[in-house]
C-alpha cells in the first residue's frame, strides 16, 4: 500500500464505470474505505465523487484541501470531510461539511 493509494484498482474501476460494466466483488475487500464511503453516500442520497485519502502529514489540512479542490473545480457544491483514526484504545472520528463560499 502506498500513501497515494491503489492506482491500478482506481484505473480498473474508472474503465468499468466508463464501459458500464460491473466491478468485481474482490475490489470491495481491496478498497474497503472507498466501499464504506460509497455505501454511506448511497444510503444518505449523497451525489458526486467519493474520495478516500491516506494522508501522511496533517490529515485535517489534506482533507480540507481536497474538499476545496472538488468545490473550486466545480465537481461538488459541498463536501463532507470525515477524519477517522483507528489507532489507540478508543480511536476517534470527526466530520465537517464544507460548502461553497465558506472561508478558507
N, C-alpha and C. Protein backbone atom coordinates (compact mmCIF):
# COMPACT_ATOMS: atom_id res chain seq x y z
N UNK A 1 0.85 -1.17 0.00
CA UNK A 1 0.00 0.00 0.00
C UNK A 1 0.90 1.24 0.00
N UNK A 2 0.46 2.26 -0.69
CA UNK A 2 1.21 3.50 -0.74
C UNK A 2 0.36 4.64 -0.23
N UNK A 3 0.99 5.74 0.09
CA UNK A 3 0.28 6.93 0.51
C UNK A 3 -0.61 7.50 -0.57
N UNK A 4 -0.33 7.18 -1.82
CA UNK A 4 -1.13 7.70 -2.94
C UNK A 4 -2.25 6.76 -3.36
N UNK A 5 -2.39 5.63 -2.69
CA UNK A 5 -3.49 4.73 -2.99
C UNK A 5 -3.16 3.67 -4.02
N UNK A 6 -4.17 2.95 -4.43
CA UNK A 6 -4.04 1.83 -5.35
C UNK A 6 -4.40 2.30 -6.76
N UNK A 7 -3.41 2.74 -7.51
CA UNK A 7 -3.64 3.32 -8.84
C UNK A 7 -4.21 2.30 -9.82
N UNK A 8 -3.78 1.04 -9.75
CA UNK A 8 -4.29 0.03 -10.68
C UNK A 8 -5.77 -0.26 -10.45
N UNK A 9 -6.18 -0.37 -9.20
CA UNK A 9 -7.60 -0.60 -8.92
C UNK A 9 -8.43 0.61 -9.35
N UNK A 10 -7.92 1.80 -9.09
CA UNK A 10 -8.63 3.02 -9.50
C UNK A 10 -8.81 3.06 -11.01
N UNK A 11 -7.78 2.68 -11.75
CA UNK A 11 -7.86 2.66 -13.21
C UNK A 11 -8.88 1.62 -13.68
N UNK A 12 -8.85 0.44 -13.06
CA UNK A 12 -9.80 -0.62 -13.41
C UNK A 12 -11.24 -0.15 -13.18
N UNK A 13 -11.49 0.47 -12.05
CA UNK A 13 -12.83 0.95 -11.72
C UNK A 13 -13.25 2.03 -12.71
N UNK A 14 -12.37 2.95 -13.04
CA UNK A 14 -12.69 4.01 -13.99
C UNK A 14 -13.08 3.43 -15.35
N UNK A 15 -12.33 2.44 -15.82
CA UNK A 15 -12.65 1.81 -17.11
C UNK A 15 -14.00 1.07 -17.04
N UNK A 16 -14.24 0.38 -15.93
CA UNK A 16 -15.50 -0.36 -15.79
C UNK A 16 -16.68 0.61 -15.75
N UNK A 17 -16.55 1.69 -15.03
CA UNK A 17 -17.63 2.68 -14.95
C UNK A 17 -17.86 3.30 -16.32
N UNK A 18 -16.79 3.67 -17.01
CA UNK A 18 -16.92 4.26 -18.35
C UNK A 18 -17.60 3.29 -19.32
N UNK A 19 -17.31 2.00 -19.19
CA UNK A 19 -17.87 0.99 -20.09
C UNK A 19 -19.25 0.51 -19.64
N UNK A 20 -19.66 0.92 -18.44
CA UNK A 20 -20.95 0.49 -17.92
C UNK A 20 -20.98 -0.96 -17.49
N UNK A 21 -19.82 -1.51 -17.14
CA UNK A 21 -19.75 -2.90 -16.71
C UNK A 21 -19.65 -2.97 -15.19
N UNK A 22 -19.91 -4.14 -14.68
CA UNK A 22 -19.89 -4.37 -13.24
C UNK A 22 -18.45 -4.48 -12.72
N UNK A 23 -18.23 -3.96 -11.54
CA UNK A 23 -16.91 -4.03 -10.91
C UNK A 23 -16.86 -5.31 -10.07
N UNK A 24 -15.77 -6.04 -10.18
CA UNK A 24 -15.64 -7.31 -9.48
C UNK A 24 -15.73 -7.17 -7.97
N UNK A 25 -16.36 -8.13 -7.30
CA UNK A 25 -16.53 -8.06 -5.84
C UNK A 25 -15.22 -8.10 -5.07
N UNK A 26 -14.17 -8.62 -5.67
CA UNK A 26 -12.88 -8.67 -4.98
C UNK A 26 -12.39 -7.26 -4.65
N UNK A 27 -12.75 -6.30 -5.48
CA UNK A 27 -12.29 -4.93 -5.23
C UNK A 27 -12.89 -4.36 -3.95
N UNK A 28 -14.01 -4.88 -3.48
CA UNK A 28 -14.57 -4.42 -2.22
C UNK A 28 -13.57 -4.62 -1.10
N UNK A 29 -12.97 -5.79 -1.06
CA UNK A 29 -12.02 -6.10 0.00
C UNK A 29 -10.71 -5.34 -0.16
N UNK A 30 -10.38 -4.99 -1.38
CA UNK A 30 -9.16 -4.24 -1.63
C UNK A 30 -9.36 -2.75 -1.42
N UNK A 31 -10.60 -2.30 -1.41
CA UNK A 31 -10.89 -0.87 -1.33
C UNK A 31 -11.95 -0.61 -0.27
N UNK A 32 -11.78 -1.17 0.90
CA UNK A 32 -12.79 -1.04 1.95
C UNK A 32 -13.12 0.41 2.29
N UNK A 33 -12.14 1.31 2.48
CA UNK A 33 -12.53 2.69 2.79
C UNK A 33 -13.43 3.30 1.71
N UNK A 34 -13.08 3.11 0.45
CA UNK A 34 -13.92 3.63 -0.63
C UNK A 34 -15.29 2.98 -0.63
N UNK A 35 -15.35 1.69 -0.36
CA UNK A 35 -16.62 0.99 -0.34
C UNK A 35 -17.51 1.49 0.78
N UNK A 36 -16.94 1.69 1.94
CA UNK A 36 -17.72 2.18 3.08
C UNK A 36 -18.24 3.57 2.78
N UNK A 37 -17.39 4.45 2.26
CA UNK A 37 -17.83 5.80 1.94
C UNK A 37 -18.88 5.77 0.83
N UNK A 38 -18.71 4.92 -0.15
CA UNK A 38 -19.71 4.78 -1.21
C UNK A 38 -21.04 4.30 -0.66
N UNK A 39 -21.00 3.37 0.28
CA UNK A 39 -22.22 2.87 0.91
C UNK A 39 -22.92 3.99 1.69
N UNK A 40 -22.16 4.74 2.47
CA UNK A 40 -22.73 5.87 3.22
C UNK A 40 -23.36 6.87 2.26
N UNK A 41 -22.66 7.18 1.17
CA UNK A 41 -23.20 8.13 0.18
C UNK A 41 -24.51 7.62 -0.41
N UNK A 42 -24.57 6.34 -0.72
CA UNK A 42 -25.80 5.77 -1.29
C UNK A 42 -26.93 5.79 -0.27
N UNK A 43 -26.64 5.41 0.96
CA UNK A 43 -27.67 5.38 2.00
C UNK A 43 -28.23 6.77 2.30
N UNK A 44 -27.39 7.79 2.25
CA UNK A 44 -27.81 9.15 2.59
C UNK A 44 -28.20 9.95 1.35
N UNK A 45 -28.13 9.33 0.17
CA UNK A 45 -28.53 10.02 -1.05
C UNK A 45 -27.56 11.12 -1.46
N UNK A 46 -26.29 10.95 -1.13
CA UNK A 46 -25.28 11.94 -1.49
C UNK A 46 -24.79 11.67 -2.91
N UNK A 47 -24.56 12.72 -3.68
CA UNK A 47 -24.08 12.56 -5.04
C UNK A 47 -22.69 13.13 -5.20
N UNK A 48 -22.10 12.85 -6.33
CA UNK A 48 -20.78 13.41 -6.62
C UNK A 48 -19.68 12.41 -6.37
N UNK A 49 -18.45 12.89 -6.48
CA UNK A 49 -17.30 12.00 -6.34
C UNK A 49 -17.12 11.52 -4.90
N UNK A 50 -16.58 10.32 -4.77
CA UNK A 50 -16.23 9.74 -3.48
C UNK A 50 -14.71 9.62 -3.48
N UNK A 51 -14.07 10.24 -2.52
CA UNK A 51 -12.61 10.26 -2.46
C UNK A 51 -12.17 9.84 -1.06
N UNK A 52 -11.27 8.88 -0.97
CA UNK A 52 -10.68 8.49 0.30
C UNK A 52 -9.19 8.77 0.24
N UNK A 53 -8.68 9.39 1.27
CA UNK A 53 -7.26 9.74 1.33
C UNK A 53 -6.59 8.97 2.45
N UNK A 54 -5.30 8.79 2.32
CA UNK A 54 -4.48 8.23 3.39
C UNK A 54 -3.34 9.21 3.59
N UNK A 55 -3.63 10.32 4.26
CA UNK A 55 -2.62 11.37 4.38
C UNK A 55 -1.42 10.94 5.22
N UNK A 56 -0.28 11.42 4.82
CA UNK A 56 0.94 11.11 5.56
C UNK A 56 1.36 12.29 6.43
N UNK A 57 0.69 13.41 6.27
CA UNK A 57 1.00 14.59 7.06
C UNK A 57 -0.19 15.00 7.91
N UNK A 58 -0.61 16.23 7.78
CA UNK A 58 -1.72 16.79 8.54
C UNK A 58 -3.03 16.35 7.89
N UNK A 59 -3.72 15.41 8.51
CA UNK A 59 -4.94 14.84 7.93
C UNK A 59 -6.01 15.91 7.74
N UNK A 60 -6.16 16.80 8.69
CA UNK A 60 -7.17 17.86 8.58
C UNK A 60 -6.87 18.76 7.39
N UNK A 61 -5.64 19.20 7.27
CA UNK A 61 -5.26 20.10 6.16
C UNK A 61 -5.43 19.39 4.82
N UNK A 62 -5.02 18.12 4.74
CA UNK A 62 -5.15 17.38 3.48
C UNK A 62 -6.62 17.19 3.11
N UNK A 63 -7.47 16.85 4.08
CA UNK A 63 -8.89 16.65 3.81
C UNK A 63 -9.57 17.94 3.38
N UNK A 64 -9.25 19.04 4.04
CA UNK A 64 -9.85 20.33 3.68
C UNK A 64 -9.35 20.78 2.31
N UNK A 65 -8.09 20.53 2.00
CA UNK A 65 -7.55 20.90 0.69
C UNK A 65 -8.25 20.12 -0.42
N UNK A 66 -8.50 18.82 -0.20
CA UNK A 66 -9.21 18.01 -1.19
C UNK A 66 -10.64 18.51 -1.36
N UNK A 67 -11.30 18.84 -0.26
CA UNK A 67 -12.67 19.37 -0.33
C UNK A 67 -12.70 20.67 -1.13
N UNK A 68 -11.77 21.56 -0.85
CA UNK A 68 -11.69 22.84 -1.57
C UNK A 68 -11.45 22.60 -3.06
N UNK A 69 -10.58 21.65 -3.39
CA UNK A 69 -10.28 21.35 -4.79
C UNK A 69 -11.55 20.87 -5.52
N UNK A 70 -12.30 19.97 -4.89
CA UNK A 70 -13.53 19.47 -5.50
C UNK A 70 -14.53 20.60 -5.71
N UNK A 71 -14.63 21.49 -4.74
CA UNK A 71 -15.57 22.61 -4.84
C UNK A 71 -15.09 23.64 -5.85
N UNK A 72 -13.82 24.01 -5.78
CA UNK A 72 -13.27 25.03 -6.70
C UNK A 72 -13.28 24.57 -8.15
N UNK A 73 -13.10 23.26 -8.37
CA UNK A 73 -13.12 22.73 -9.74
C UNK A 73 -14.53 22.52 -10.27
N UNK A 74 -15.54 22.72 -9.42
CA UNK A 74 -16.92 22.55 -9.85
C UNK A 74 -17.43 21.12 -9.79
N UNK A 75 -16.65 20.22 -9.20
CA UNK A 75 -17.08 18.83 -9.08
C UNK A 75 -18.09 18.63 -7.95
N UNK A 76 -18.17 19.59 -7.03
CA UNK A 76 -19.09 19.49 -5.90
C UNK A 76 -19.45 20.88 -5.41
N UNK A 77 -20.66 21.02 -4.87
CA UNK A 77 -21.07 22.26 -4.22
C UNK A 77 -20.73 22.21 -2.73
N UNK A 78 -20.75 20.99 -2.20
CA UNK A 78 -20.42 20.76 -0.80
C UNK A 78 -19.58 19.50 -0.71
N UNK A 79 -18.81 19.40 0.36
CA UNK A 79 -18.01 18.20 0.58
C UNK A 79 -18.10 17.82 2.05
N UNK A 80 -18.40 16.57 2.32
CA UNK A 80 -18.41 16.04 3.67
C UNK A 80 -17.03 15.44 3.92
N UNK A 81 -16.30 16.03 4.84
CA UNK A 81 -14.95 15.57 5.16
C UNK A 81 -15.03 14.83 6.50
N UNK A 82 -14.58 13.57 6.48
CA UNK A 82 -14.62 12.74 7.68
C UNK A 82 -13.21 12.27 7.98
N UNK A 83 -12.77 12.50 9.20
CA UNK A 83 -11.47 12.02 9.65
C UNK A 83 -11.72 10.86 10.59
N UNK A 84 -11.05 9.75 10.35
CA UNK A 84 -11.18 8.58 11.21
C UNK A 84 -9.78 8.12 11.58
N UNK A 85 -9.55 7.97 12.87
CA UNK A 85 -8.27 7.46 13.35
C UNK A 85 -8.55 6.20 14.14
N UNK A 86 -8.03 5.08 13.65
CA UNK A 86 -8.28 3.81 14.32
C UNK A 86 -7.24 3.48 15.37
N UNK A 87 -6.12 4.18 15.36
CA UNK A 87 -5.05 3.89 16.32
C UNK A 87 -5.49 4.29 17.72
N UNK A 88 -4.93 3.62 18.69
CA UNK A 88 -5.25 3.93 20.08
C UNK A 88 -6.39 3.06 20.59
N UNK A 89 -6.61 3.13 21.87
CA UNK A 89 -7.61 2.28 22.51
C UNK A 89 -9.03 2.63 22.07
N UNK A 90 -9.33 3.91 21.93
CA UNK A 90 -10.69 4.32 21.62
C UNK A 90 -10.88 4.75 20.18
N UNK A 91 -9.82 5.13 19.50
CA UNK A 91 -9.96 5.66 18.16
C UNK A 91 -10.71 6.98 18.21
N UNK A 92 -10.89 7.62 17.08
CA UNK A 92 -11.63 8.88 17.05
C UNK A 92 -12.16 9.12 15.65
N UNK A 93 -13.18 9.95 15.58
CA UNK A 93 -13.75 10.34 14.29
C UNK A 93 -14.31 11.75 14.42
N UNK A 94 -14.25 12.48 13.33
CA UNK A 94 -14.75 13.85 13.28
C UNK A 94 -15.22 14.10 11.86
N UNK A 95 -16.26 14.92 11.71
CA UNK A 95 -16.77 15.24 10.37
C UNK A 95 -17.09 16.72 10.30
N UNK A 96 -16.94 17.29 9.10
CA UNK A 96 -17.31 18.68 8.86
C UNK A 96 -17.84 18.78 7.44
N UNK A 97 -18.87 19.59 7.25
CA UNK A 97 -19.43 19.84 5.93
C UNK A 97 -18.85 21.15 5.41
N UNK A 98 -18.18 21.08 4.27
CA UNK A 98 -17.56 22.25 3.65
C UNK A 98 -18.44 22.67 2.48
N UNK A 99 -18.81 23.95 2.44
CA UNK A 99 -19.69 24.47 1.39
C UNK A 99 -19.01 25.54 0.57
N UNK A 100 -19.55 25.78 -0.61
CA UNK A 100 -19.08 26.84 -1.48
C UNK A 100 -19.16 28.18 -0.74
N UNK A 101 -18.18 29.03 -0.93
CA UNK A 101 -18.22 30.36 -0.37
C UNK A 101 -17.80 30.47 1.07
N UNK A 102 -17.51 29.35 1.73
CA UNK A 102 -17.07 29.42 3.12
C UNK A 102 -15.63 29.91 3.16
N UNK A 103 -15.27 30.55 4.27
CA UNK A 103 -13.88 31.00 4.41
C UNK A 103 -12.92 29.81 4.31
N UNK A 104 -11.75 30.10 3.83
CA UNK A 104 -10.75 29.05 3.65
C UNK A 104 -9.89 28.88 4.86
